[in-house]
Amino acid sequence: MEISLIGFAVLMIFIFARVPLGVAMGVVGVCGFAYVQVEEFGNPRGWDAAFNMISQVAFETGLSYSLSVVPLFILMGNFITEAGLSKQLYRASNAFLGHFKGGLALATVVSCGAFSAVCGSSMATAATMSKVAMPSMRKYNYSDGLASGSIAAGGTLGILIPPSVILVIYGIMTETDIGKLFIAGLLPGFIGIVLYMAAVSVTVHLKPKAGPAGVKSTWAERLEAVKHVWAICGLFIVVMGGIYSGIFTPTEAAGIGASGAFFIALLRRSLTFKRLTDTLVSAVRTTAMLFFLVIGAVLFSNFINLAGLPDALRDMVLGMDLSPVLVILAIVGIYVLLGCVLESMSMILLTVPVFYPLVQAMGFDLIWFGILVVVVTEISLITPPVGLNVFVLKTVLPDVKLATIFRGVTPFWIADIVRLVLIATVPAISLALPNMVG
């Protein structure tokens, strides 16, 4: 166990030294694996085994059928973005909500949730919606804090509302059904949208000038706006409906979703040859980055498993006879602290291999735990000093101060805490739909 803790310490030093996460995990994993083989198991060919592990893990990861869902869902999100459906989603949401106080911020949250349903990326959702929603909110004199906060917080829904790349990674690492994880994210995602809307309402109640009401749309204008979002709604229903009913697997659903998004972009005449090339190249780059991270994570996971950290942690906790509730609270607390210094994918890759054997041994459902972990990770996306979504928004909106964005996300961070408590104390929120899945 001691060598595992040393490995974690070295890894954190590498991370703070700005060594790429995949490289850091891979180097520590390979060196640690070789050390344990040689020093603790007396294997003179320990370094040979460690180097062979690199090629084996890279080969198996690249050919993993389960991981093939990742590039397909990334490609689907890229095609949807190129089709310009984010503007139509915002227009439809604004048609129904824009006339309320804070209505444009409410529309931003709803459109972020809808865009997340076919994008699966938090950063992409925040970056895309900022270009669509921010000009409208500034036109009606919304405060920069509320405007940027609603975009940054709404973007976090991208890692929970299916299809979610992080849920795919979690499912592979814990050998949990990815389809059920997707279904489990629906209700918590919907609750997140509702609580974010409540946060907007409370904010404009306390500060009416932060979000003045806009112009009320007629029913003819609302129906016209809804006509333009049928494609994205239909694509989501086909993908998630097929998984829920058991007609096809998540990987097959990803293929159908990517194909459907491609034809939607073609029908909207927004996909030129150059844009198609850029979309494919972007999907390849994102996929390569994620696969590189996963390979590094598997190498590091092999090291800590060989060193016995998960088993030692499980035996220690079970031997202390602690309340399962206290254990979950401690794990959540660790995630909240890590969220202040690490981004979401790093947290998942570093901690899940250590925690999930303990959670499983204590009788908790891994699907519920996965949703709990993702919700905590969502919080990390908008909390200082890292707050990845906040920095993405700062890049897109350079004229808005970082402190203004962090102040703007505070009500949404509080709403996330409320949702976290609900999911932790009422597991049925996450498990009701998976228990009925086909």
Protein backbone atom coordinates (compact mmCIF):
# COMPACT_ATOMS: atom_id res chain seq x y z
CA MET A 1 0.00 0.00 0.00
CA GLU A 2 2.88 2.36 0.79
CA ILE A 3 4.27 2.18 -2.73
CA SER A 4 0.80 3.04 -4.08
CA LEU A 5 0.65 6.18 -1.95
CA ILE A 6 4.13 7.16 -3.11
CA GLY A 7 2.97 6.64 -6.68
CA PHE A 8 -0.01 8.95 -6.10
CA ALA A 9 2.28 11.58 -4.59
CA VAL A 10 4.65 11.44 -7.59
CA LEU A 11 1.68 11.61 -9.95
CA MET A 12 0.36 14.75 -8.25
CA ILE A 13 3.83 16.33 -8.52
CA PHE A 14 3.83 15.59 -12.26
CA ILE A 15 0.33 17.07 -12.63
CA PHE A 16 1.24 20.28 -10.81
CA ALA A 17 4.39 20.46 -12.95
CA ARG A 18 2.01 20.55 -15.97
CA VAL A 19 3.09 17.17 -17.34
CA PRO A 20 0.25 15.90 -19.60
CA LEU A 21 -2.03 13.66 -17.57
CA GLY A 22 -1.79 10.67 -19.91
CA VAL A 23 2.01 10.82 -19.85
CA ALA A 24 2.12 11.27 -16.06
CA MET A 25 -0.17 8.32 -15.37
CA GLY A 26 1.63 6.14 -17.89
CA VAL A 27 5.13 6.88 -16.55
CA VAL A 28 4.13 6.38 -12.90
CA GLY A 29 2.12 3.27 -13.77
CA VAL A 30 4.92 1.58 -15.74
CA CYS A 31 7.67 2.47 -13.26
CA GLY A 32 5.54 1.49 -10.29
CA PHE A 33 4.50 -1.78 -11.92
CA ALA A 34 8.14 -2.68 -12.62
CA TYR A 35 9.23 -1.76 -9.10
CA VAL A 36 6.57 -3.94 -7.47
CA GLN A 37 7.46 -6.83 -9.80
CA VAL A 38 11.17 -6.63 -8.97
CA GLU A 39 11.22 -5.59 -5.30
CA GLU A 40 8.12 -7.25 -3.88
CA PHE A 41 7.65 -10.27 -6.14
CA GLY A 42 11.33 -10.91 -6.89
CA ASN A 43 10.74 -11.00 -10.64
CA PRO A 44 14.07 -10.18 -12.35
CA ARG A 45 12.22 -9.51 -15.63
CA GLY A 46 9.90 -6.96 -14.02
CA TRP A 47 10.91 -4.15 -16.36
CA ASP A 48 10.34 -6.37 -19.38
CA ALA A 49 6.83 -7.15 -18.08
CA ALA A 50 6.17 -3.44 -17.54
CA PHE A 51 7.25 -2.48 -21.06
CA ASN A 52 5.25 -5.34 -22.57
CA MET A 53 2.24 -4.05 -20.65
CA ILE A 54 2.43 -0.77 -22.59
CA SER A 55 1.98 -2.41 -25.98
CA GLN A 56 -0.66 -4.80 -24.69
CA VAL A 57 -2.77 -2.06 -23.08
CA ALA A 58 -2.46 0.23 -26.12
CA PHE A 59 -3.46 -2.61 -28.47
CA GLU A 60 -6.44 -3.73 -26.39
CA THR A 61 -7.66 -0.16 -25.84
CA GLY A 62 -7.47 0.68 -29.53
CA LEU A 63 -9.47 -2.43 -30.47
CA SER A 64 -11.97 -2.19 -27.60
CA TYR A 65 -15.53 -2.60 -28.89
CA SER A 66 -16.93 -0.81 -25.85
CA LEU A 67 -14.73 2.23 -26.44
CA SER A 68 -15.86 2.51 -30.06
CA VAL A 69 -18.91 4.33 -28.70
CA VAL A 70 -16.68 7.31 -27.80
CA PRO A 71 -15.61 8.49 -31.30
CA LEU A 72 -19.12 7.89 -32.65
CA PHE A 73 -20.82 10.06 -30.03
CA ILE A 74 -18.10 12.70 -30.45
CA LEU A 75 -18.75 12.68 -34.19
CA MET A 76 -22.50 12.99 -33.58
CA GLY A 77 -21.96 16.05 -31.41
CA ASN A 78 -19.66 17.64 -33.99
CA PHE A 79 -22.19 17.14 -36.79
CA ILE A 80 -24.97 18.63 -34.63
CA THR A 81 -22.79 21.64 -33.91
CA GLU A 82 -22.02 22.11 -37.61
CA ALA A 83 -25.75 21.87 -38.41
CA GLY A 84 -26.30 25.01 -36.35
CA LEU A 85 -29.03 23.44 -34.23
CA SER A 86 -27.78 25.23 -31.11
CA LYS A 87 -29.26 28.48 -32.45
CA GLN A 88 -32.61 26.82 -33.14
CA LEU A 89 -32.70 25.25 -29.67
CA TYR A 90 -32.07 28.62 -28.07
CA ARG A 91 -34.66 30.29 -30.28
CA ALA A 92 -37.31 27.70 -29.33
CA SER A 93 -36.50 27.96 -25.60
CA ASN A 94 -36.51 31.74 -25.77
CA ALA A 95 -39.91 31.74 -27.51
CA PHE A 96 -41.51 30.07 -24.48
CA LEU A 97 -39.43 31.53 -21.62
CA GLY A 98 -37.97 34.85 -22.81
CA HIS A 99 -40.81 37.04 -21.51
CA PHE A 100 -40.22 36.03 -17.87
CA LYS A 101 -37.77 37.84 -15.60
CA GLY A 102 -34.47 36.11 -16.24
CA GLY A 103 -36.18 34.42 -19.18
CA LEU A 104 -33.14 34.50 -21.44
CA ALA A 105 -31.06 32.81 -18.75
CA LEU A 106 -33.84 30.24 -18.29
CA ALA A 107 -33.82 29.63 -22.04
CA THR A 108 -30.04 29.25 -21.94
CA VAL A 109 -30.26 26.53 -19.28
CA VAL A 110 -32.97 24.63 -21.17
CA SER A 111 -31.17 24.87 -24.51
CA CYS A 112 -27.90 23.77 -22.88
CA GLY A 113 -29.68 20.71 -21.51
CA ALA A 114 -31.19 19.91 -24.91
CA PHE A 115 -27.90 20.44 -26.72
CA SER A 116 -26.15 18.21 -24.17
CA ALA A 117 -28.55 15.42 -25.12
CA VAL A 118 -26.87 15.08 -28.51
CA CYS A 119 -23.46 16.55 -27.80
CA GLY A 120 -22.15 14.75 -24.72
CA SER A 121 -19.41 17.30 -24.07
CA SER A 122 -19.46 19.91 -21.34
CA MET A 123 -16.84 22.17 -22.91
CA ALA A 124 -18.43 21.99 -26.36
CA THR A 125 -21.85 22.85 -24.91
CA ALA A 126 -20.51 25.85 -22.98
CA ALA A 127 -18.44 27.16 -25.90
CA THR A 128 -21.24 26.74 -28.45
CA MET A 129 -24.05 28.18 -26.35
CA SER A 130 -21.97 31.17 -25.28
CA LYS A 131 -21.81 32.32 -28.91
CA VAL A 132 -25.58 31.92 -29.25
CA ALA A 133 -26.94 33.12 -25.91
CA MET A 134 -24.55 35.85 -24.76
CA PRO A 135 -25.38 38.41 -27.51
CA SER A 136 -29.12 38.13 -26.76
CA MET A 137 -28.66 38.55 -23.02
CA ARG A 138 -26.42 41.56 -23.50
CA LYS A 139 -28.97 43.07 -25.86
CA TYR A 140 -31.51 43.04 -23.00
CA ASN A 141 -28.96 44.34 -20.46
CA TYR A 142 -28.50 41.15 -18.47
CA SER A 143 -25.68 41.28 -15.95
CA ASP A 144 -22.52 39.56 -17.15
CA GLY A 145 -22.53 37.48 -14.00
CA LEU A 146 -25.95 35.92 -14.56
CA ALA A 147 -25.42 35.56 -18.31
CA SER A 148 -22.03 33.88 -18.12
CA GLY A 149 -22.99 31.88 -15.02
CA SER A 150 -26.04 30.35 -16.70
CA ILE A 151 -23.94 29.34 -19.73
CA ALA A 152 -21.08 27.87 -17.70
CA ALA A 153 -23.43 25.96 -15.40
CA GLY A 154 -25.73 24.83 -18.22
CA GLY A 155 -22.71 23.45 -20.02
CA THR A 156 -21.95 21.05 -17.15
CA LEU A 157 -25.08 19.10 -18.07
CA GLY A 158 -23.12 17.78 -21.05
CA ILE A 159 -21.29 15.17 -18.96
CA LEU A 160 -24.45 13.75 -17.34
CA ILE A 161 -27.32 13.89 -19.82
CA PRO A 162 -26.72 11.00 -22.23
CA PRO A 163 -24.83 10.42 -24.39
CA SER A 164 -22.00 11.17 -21.95
CA VAL A 165 -18.37 10.33 -22.70
CA ILE A 166 -17.52 10.32 -19.00
CA LEU A 167 -20.28 7.79 -18.29
CA VAL A 168 -18.82 5.61 -21.05
CA ILE A 169 -15.35 5.78 -19.45
CA TYR A 170 -16.79 5.04 -16.01
CA GLY A 171 -18.77 2.09 -17.37
CA ILE A 172 -15.68 0.59 -18.98
CA MET A 173 -13.51 1.08 -15.89
CA THR A 174 -16.07 -0.53 -13.57
CA GLU A 175 -17.49 -3.04 -16.08
CA THR A 176 -20.94 -1.50 -15.61
CA ASP A 177 -23.67 -1.57 -18.28
CA ILE A 178 -23.20 1.65 -20.30
CA GLY A 179 -26.79 1.60 -21.55
CA LYS A 180 -28.13 1.55 -17.99
CA LEU A 181 -25.73 4.34 -17.02
CA PHE A 182 -27.12 6.46 -19.86
CA ILE A 183 -30.69 5.80 -18.74
CA ALA A 184 -29.73 6.53 -15.12
CA GLY A 185 -28.49 9.99 -16.10
CA LEU A 186 -31.85 11.15 -17.46
CA LEU A 187 -33.71 11.98 -14.23
CA PRO A 188 -30.70 13.56 -12.46
CA GLY A 189 -30.07 15.61 -15.62
CA PHE A 190 -33.68 16.79 -15.69
CA ILE A 191 -33.51 17.66 -11.99
CA GLY A 192 -30.35 19.63 -12.72
CA ILE A 193 -32.17 21.70 -15.36
CA VAL A 194 -35.05 22.40 -12.95
CA LEU A 195 -32.72 23.42 -10.11
CA TYR A 196 -30.67 25.64 -12.42
CA MET A 197 -33.87 27.36 -13.51
CA ALA A 198 -34.76 27.82 -9.83
CA ALA A 199 -31.31 29.36 -9.27
CA VAL A 200 -31.98 31.86 -12.08
CA SER A 201 -35.40 32.72 -10.60
CA VAL A 202 -33.93 33.31 -7.14
CA THR A 203 -31.15 35.46 -8.59
CA VAL A 204 -33.50 37.77 -10.52
CA HIS A 205 -35.84 37.92 -7.51
CA LEU A 206 -32.98 39.25 -5.36
CA LYS A 207 -31.52 41.39 -8.18
CA PRO A 208 -34.33 42.30 -10.65
CA LYS A 209 -32.00 44.36 -12.84
CA ALA A 210 -29.75 41.32 -13.41
CA GLY A 211 -32.27 39.70 -15.76
CA PRO A 212 -35.06 41.91 -17.15
CA ALA A 213 -37.95 40.34 -19.03
CA GLY A 214 -37.84 40.17 -22.81
CA VAL A 215 -40.51 40.42 -25.48
CA LYS A 216 -43.33 37.86 -25.31
CA SER A 217 -43.58 35.67 -28.41
CA THR A 218 -46.89 34.87 -30.06
CA TRP A 219 -48.05 31.25 -30.36
CA ALA A 220 -47.43 31.43 -34.09
CA GLU A 221 -43.80 32.39 -33.42
CA ARG A 222 -43.48 29.60 -30.85
CA LEU A 223 -44.80 26.98 -33.21
CA GLU A 224 -42.50 28.24 -35.93
CA ALA A 225 -39.52 27.95 -33.56
CA VAL A 226 -40.50 24.42 -32.49
CA LYS A 227 -40.60 23.28 -36.14
CA HIS A 228 -36.87 23.82 -36.43
CA VAL A 229 -35.91 21.55 -33.51
CA TRP A 230 -37.79 18.42 -34.55
CA ALA A 231 -34.59 16.88 -35.89
CA ILE A 232 -32.64 17.08 -32.66
CA CYS A 233 -35.63 15.83 -30.64
CA GLY A 234 -36.17 12.95 -33.05
CA LEU A 235 -32.48 11.98 -32.96
CA PHE A 236 -32.46 11.91 -29.15
CA ILE A 237 -35.66 9.83 -29.03
CA VAL A 238 -34.27 7.31 -31.53
CA VAL A 239 -30.91 6.95 -29.76
CA MET A 240 -32.16 6.79 -26.17
CA GLY A 241 -35.41 5.04 -27.03
CA GLY A 242 -33.51 2.30 -28.82
CA ILE A 243 -31.19 1.79 -25.84
CA TYR A 244 -34.03 1.92 -23.32
CA SER A 245 -36.17 -0.59 -25.21
CA GLY A 246 -33.23 -2.90 -25.86
CA ILE A 247 -33.51 -2.64 -29.65
CA PHE A 248 -29.82 -1.85 -29.97
CA THR A 249 -26.71 -1.51 -27.81
CA PRO A 250 -25.06 1.81 -26.88
CA THR A 251 -22.41 1.25 -29.56
CA GLU A 252 -25.07 0.63 -32.21
CA ALA A 253 -26.98 3.65 -30.92
CA ALA A 254 -23.84 5.76 -31.30
CA GLY A 255 -23.49 4.65 -34.92
CA ILE A 256 -27.13 5.46 -35.63
CA GLY A 257 -26.77 8.81 -33.87
CA ALA A 258 -23.65 9.78 -35.83
CA SER A 259 -25.29 8.78 -39.12
CA GLY A 260 -28.49 10.64 -38.23
CA ALA A 261 -26.56 13.79 -37.28
CA PHE A 262 -24.63 13.57 -40.57
CA PHE A 263 -27.85 13.43 -42.63
CA ILE A 264 -29.38 16.27 -40.57
CA ALA A 265 -26.35 18.43 -41.36
CA LEU A 266 -26.66 17.51 -45.05
CA LEU A 267 -30.37 18.34 -45.14
CA ARG A 268 -29.70 21.71 -43.56
CA ARG A 269 -27.03 22.35 -46.23
CA SER A 270 -24.50 23.37 -43.62
CA LEU A 271 -21.91 20.70 -44.37
CA THR A 272 -19.48 21.74 -47.06
CA PHE A 273 -16.51 19.55 -47.96
CA LYS A 274 -14.18 21.72 -45.87
CA ARG A 275 -16.52 21.62 -42.87
CA LEU A 276 -16.87 17.86 -43.23
CA THR A 277 -13.09 17.49 -43.25
CA ASP A 278 -12.72 19.80 -40.23
CA THR A 279 -15.44 17.88 -38.36
CA LEU A 280 -13.80 14.52 -38.99
CA VAL A 281 -10.34 15.82 -38.04
CA SER A 282 -11.74 17.37 -34.84
CA ALA A 283 -13.41 14.08 -33.90
CA VAL A 284 -10.17 12.18 -34.52
CA ARG A 285 -8.15 14.59 -32.38
CA THR A 286 -10.61 14.45 -29.49
CA THR A 287 -10.80 10.67 -29.70
CA ALA A 288 -7.02 10.31 -29.78
CA MET A 289 -6.71 12.53 -26.71
CA LEU A 290 -9.30 10.51 -24.79
CA PHE A 291 -7.79 7.18 -25.81
CA PHE A 292 -4.36 8.41 -24.75
CA LEU A 293 -5.79 9.34 -21.35
CA VAL A 294 -7.51 5.96 -21.01
CA ILE A 295 -4.30 4.08 -21.87
CA GLY A 296 -2.41 6.06 -19.23
CA ALA A 297 -5.18 5.44 -16.72
CA VAL A 298 -5.16 1.68 -17.35
CA LEU A 299 -1.37 1.56 -16.90
CA PHE A 300 -1.68 3.44 -13.62
CA SER A 301 -4.63 1.29 -12.54
CA ASN A 302 -2.63 -1.89 -13.20
CA PHE A 303 0.12 -0.56 -10.94
CA ILE A 304 -2.11 0.31 -7.98
CA ASN A 305 -4.02 -2.96 -8.32
CA LEU A 306 -0.75 -4.95 -8.33
CA ALA A 307 0.42 -2.94 -5.31
CA GLY A 308 -2.82 -3.85 -3.54
CA LEU A 309 -4.17 -0.36 -2.79
CA PRO A 310 -7.88 -1.02 -3.58
CA ASP A 311 -7.88 -4.27 -1.59
CA ALA A 312 -6.00 -2.70 1.32
CA LEU A 313 -8.37 0.29 1.37
CA ARG A 314 -11.41 -2.01 1.27
CA ASP A 315 -10.09 -4.23 4.08
CA MET A 316 -9.16 -1.23 6.22
CA VAL A 317 -12.55 0.44 5.88
CA LEU A 318 -14.49 -2.79 6.42
CA GLY A 319 -12.29 -3.60 9.42
CA MET A 320 -13.07 -0.22 11.00
CA ASP A 321 -16.79 -1.08 10.80
CA LEU A 322 -17.67 2.41 9.60
CA SER A 323 -21.18 3.38 8.59
CA PRO A 324 -21.64 3.10 4.81
CA VAL A 325 -23.12 6.60 4.84
CA LEU A 326 -19.95 7.99 6.41
CA VAL A 327 -17.83 6.26 3.78
CA ILE A 328 -19.87 7.79 0.94
CA LEU A 329 -19.70 11.21 2.60
CA ALA A 330 -15.92 10.88 2.86
CA ILE A 331 -15.63 9.90 -0.81
CA VAL A 332 -17.84 12.83 -1.86
CA GLY A 333 -15.72 15.16 0.29
CA ILE A 334 -12.56 13.92 -1.42
CA TYR A 335 -14.12 14.57 -4.84
CA VAL A 336 -15.15 18.09 -3.84
CA LEU A 337 -11.58 18.86 -2.69
CA LEU A 338 -10.03 17.30 -5.80
CA GLY A 339 -12.41 19.34 -7.93
CA CYS A 340 -10.65 22.49 -6.73
CA VAL A 341 -7.36 21.43 -8.35
CA LEU A 342 -8.20 18.82 -11.03
CA GLU A 343 -10.50 18.78 -14.04
CA SER A 344 -13.30 16.25 -14.46
CA MET A 345 -11.67 13.54 -16.58
CA SER A 346 -8.58 13.52 -14.36
CA MET A 347 -10.72 12.94 -11.29
CA ILE A 348 -12.59 10.05 -12.87
CA LEU A 349 -9.49 8.31 -14.21
CA LEU A 350 -7.51 8.71 -10.98
CA THR A 351 -10.08 7.87 -8.35
CA VAL A 352 -12.61 5.40 -9.77
CA PRO A 353 -10.17 2.43 -9.88
CA VAL A 354 -9.46 3.01 -6.18
CA PHE A 355 -12.96 3.72 -4.89
CA TYR A 356 -15.27 1.45 -6.86
CA PRO A 357 -14.05 -1.86 -5.31
CA LEU A 358 -14.72 -0.40 -1.86
CA VAL A 359 -18.15 0.89 -2.85
CA GLN A 360 -19.03 -2.46 -4.41
CA ALA A 361 -17.84 -4.38 -1.33
CA MET A 362 -20.09 -2.24 0.88
CA GLY A 363 -23.14 -3.23 -1.18
CA PHE A 364 -23.76 0.01 -3.07
CA ASP A 365 -25.04 -0.06 -6.64
CA LEU A 366 -22.29 0.93 -9.09
CA ILE A 367 -24.80 2.64 -11.41
CA TRP A 368 -25.94 4.88 -8.56
CA PHE A 369 -22.33 5.53 -7.56
CA GLY A 370 -21.46 6.43 -11.17
CA ILE A 371 -24.19 9.07 -11.31
CA LEU A 372 -23.12 10.39 -7.91
CA VAL A 373 -19.51 10.69 -9.09
CA VAL A 374 -20.51 12.47 -12.30
CA VAL A 375 -22.67 14.98 -10.39
CA VAL A 376 -19.74 15.75 -8.07
CA THR A 377 -17.55 16.07 -11.14
CA GLU A 378 -20.07 18.54 -12.63
CA ILE A 379 -19.58 20.71 -9.57
CA SER A 380 -15.82 20.70 -10.18
CA LEU A 381 -16.40 22.20 -13.63
CA ILE A 382 -17.60 25.49 -12.15
CA THR A 383 -15.69 25.71 -8.85
CA PRO A 384 -12.50 27.75 -8.37
CA PRO A 385 -9.59 27.69 -8.87
CA VAL A 386 -9.82 25.27 -11.86
CA GLY A 387 -13.47 25.44 -13.03
CA LEU A 388 -12.79 24.17 -16.55
CA ASN A 389 -16.10 25.46 -17.98
CA VAL A 390 -15.36 28.88 -16.51
CA PHE A 391 -12.02 29.04 -18.30
CA VAL A 392 -13.59 27.82 -21.55
CA LEU A 393 -16.11 30.65 -21.27
CA LYS A 394 -13.35 33.13 -20.47
CA THR A 395 -11.61 32.09 -23.69
CA VAL A 396 -14.76 32.65 -25.74
CA LEU A 397 -15.70 35.86 -23.87
CA PRO A 398 -12.35 37.58 -23.16
CA ASP A 399 -14.03 40.84 -22.14
CA VAL A 400 -15.76 39.22 -19.12
CA LYS A 401 -13.63 39.05 -15.98
CA LEU A 402 -12.90 35.63 -14.51
CA ALA A 403 -14.11 36.82 -11.09
CA THR A 404 -17.42 37.89 -12.64
CA ILE A 405 -18.00 34.42 -14.09
CA PHE A 406 -17.13 32.71 -10.80
CA ARG A 407 -19.57 35.00 -8.94
CA GLY A 408 -22.20 34.26 -11.56
CA VAL A 409 -21.96 30.48 -11.14
CA THR A 410 -22.35 30.61 -7.33
CA PRO A 411 -26.17 30.13 -7.31
CA PHE A 412 -25.80 27.22 -9.73
CA TRP A 413 -23.08 25.66 -7.58
CA ILE A 414 -25.50 25.79 -4.64
CA ALA A 415 -28.18 24.16 -6.81
CA ASP A 416 -25.70 21.38 -7.64
CA ILE A 417 -25.13 20.75 -3.93
CA VAL A 418 -28.89 20.35 -3.45
CA ARG A 419 -29.04 17.88 -6.34
CA LEU A 420 -26.05 15.98 -4.96
CA VAL A 421 -27.78 15.58 -1.60
CA LEU A 422 -30.96 14.38 -3.32
CA ILE A 423 -29.14 11.77 -5.41
CA ALA A 424 -27.06 10.58 -2.45
CA THR A 425 -30.03 10.20 -0.12
CA VAL A 426 -32.62 8.97 -2.65
CA PRO A 427 -30.94 6.31 -4.86
CA ALA A 428 -34.26 5.70 -6.64
CA ILE A 429 -33.72 8.94 -8.58
CA SER A 430 -30.84 7.25 -10.39
CA LEU A 431 -32.04 3.64 -10.35
CA ALA A 432 -35.76 3.84 -11.19
CA LEU A 433 -35.32 3.99 -14.96
CA PRO A 434 -32.41 1.49 -15.23
CA ASN A 435 -34.44 -1.07 -13.29
CA MET A 436 -37.09 -0.89 -16.02
CA VAL A 437 -34.70 -0.92 -19.00
CA GLY A 438 -35.22 -3.47 -21.77
